Protein backbone atom coordinates (compact mmCIF):
# COMPACT_ATOMS: atom_id res chain seq x y z
CA UNK A 1 -7.95 -0.51 -7.69
CA UNK A 2 -8.19 2.87 -5.99
CA UNK A 3 -6.00 1.83 -3.08
CA UNK A 4 -3.46 0.33 -5.47
CA UNK A 5 -3.24 3.60 -7.39
CA UNK A 6 -2.77 5.56 -4.17
CA UNK A 7 0.00 3.26 -2.99
CA UNK A 8 1.77 3.16 -6.38
CA UNK A 9 1.47 6.94 -6.76
CA UNK A 10 2.92 7.63 -3.34
CA UNK A 11 5.69 5.08 -3.87
CA UNK A 12 6.68 6.56 -7.24
CA UNK A 13 6.67 10.11 -5.89
CA UNK A 14 8.79 9.18 -2.88
CA UNK A 15 11.06 7.04 -5.04
CA UNK A 16 11.70 9.87 -7.47
CA UNK A 17 12.57 12.23 -4.63
CA UNK A 18 14.88 9.59 -3.13
CA UNK A 19 16.53 9.02 -6.50
CA UNK A 20 17.19 12.75 -6.94
CA UNK A 21 18.58 12.98 -3.41
CA UNK A 22 20.94 10.03 -3.89
CA UNK A 23 22.13 11.52 -7.18
CA UNK A 24 22.95 14.88 -5.58
CA UNK A 25 24.69 13.23 -2.63
CA UNK A 26 26.88 11.10 -4.90
CA UNK A 27 27.99 14.13 -6.93
CA UNK A 28 28.95 16.10 -3.84
CA UNK A 29 30.61 13.10 -2.17
CA UNK A 30 32.76 12.34 -5.19
CA UNK A 31 33.88 15.98 -5.38
CA UNK A 32 34.76 15.90 -1.69
CA UNK A 33 36.82 12.74 -2.19
CA UNK A 34 38.78 14.38 -5.01
CA UNK A 35 39.39 17.51 -2.93
CA UNK A 36 40.55 15.38 0.00
CA UNK A 37 43.01 13.59 -2.27
CA UNK A 38 44.58 16.88 -3.30
CA UNK A 39 44.75 18.07 0.30
CA UNK A 40 46.43 14.88 1.53
CA UNK A 41 49.23 15.32 -0.98
CA UNK A 42 50.15 18.71 0.44
CA UNK A 43 48.91 20.55 -2.61
CA UNK A 44 46.71 23.57 -2.21
CA UNK A 45 43.03 22.89 -2.46
CA UNK A 46 42.06 22.18 -6.01
CA UNK A 47 38.70 23.60 -6.93
CA UNK A 48 36.61 20.85 -8.42
CA UNK A 49 33.82 21.97 -10.68
CA UNK A 50 30.65 20.18 -9.74
CA UNK A 51 28.62 18.89 -12.61
CA UNK A 52 25.41 19.34 -10.67
CA UNK A 53 23.01 19.98 -13.50
CA UNK A 54 20.07 18.77 -11.47
CA UNK A 55 18.26 15.56 -11.96
CA UNK A 56 17.45 14.19 -15.34
CA UNK A 57 14.09 13.71 -16.96
CA UNK A 58 13.53 10.35 -15.25
CA UNK A 59 12.97 11.93 -11.84
CA UNK A 60 10.40 14.38 -13.20
CA UNK A 61 8.72 11.65 -15.24
CA UNK A 62 8.40 9.33 -12.23
CA UNK A 63 7.08 12.16 -10.08
CA UNK A 64 4.49 13.08 -12.72
CA UNK A 65 3.32 9.47 -13.17
CA UNK A 66 3.15 9.08 -9.39
CA UNK A 67 1.06 12.23 -9.11
CA UNK A 68 -1.33 11.05 -11.82
CA UNK A 69 -1.71 7.67 -10.11
CA UNK A 70 -2.24 9.29 -6.73
CA UNK A 71 -4.94 11.61 -8.08
CA UNK A 72 -6.67 8.77 -9.92
CA UNK A 73 -6.74 6.78 -6.69
CA UNK A 74 -9.21 9.21 -5.16
CA UNK A 75 -12.64 8.72 -6.68
CA UNK A 76 -14.56 11.69 -7.97
CA UNK A 77 -18.19 12.36 -7.27
CA UNK A 78 -20.18 9.28 -8.05
CA UNK A 79 -23.48 7.97 -6.91
CA UNK A 80 -23.51 5.02 -4.62
CA UNK A 81 -25.86 2.28 -5.59
CA UNK A 82 -28.48 1.68 -3.01
CA UNK A 83 -29.46 -1.88 -2.49
């Protein structure tokens, strides 16, 4: 179970970072597409306000759950049973 928690924790943490990155890229890419549309029409560059409010609560929640799983995957101090 410890290895499963480590793997799930790392996957959730990396997934949340990837999700936040994809979200930021899509916001900036869509703004660039709109600006390129204005420029191709011969109009001066229209300033597009980016609604880049940061990532939502889902990214932070996934990162937190991943961190908890990763920490729980490492056992604390326990006594090994001698046979």
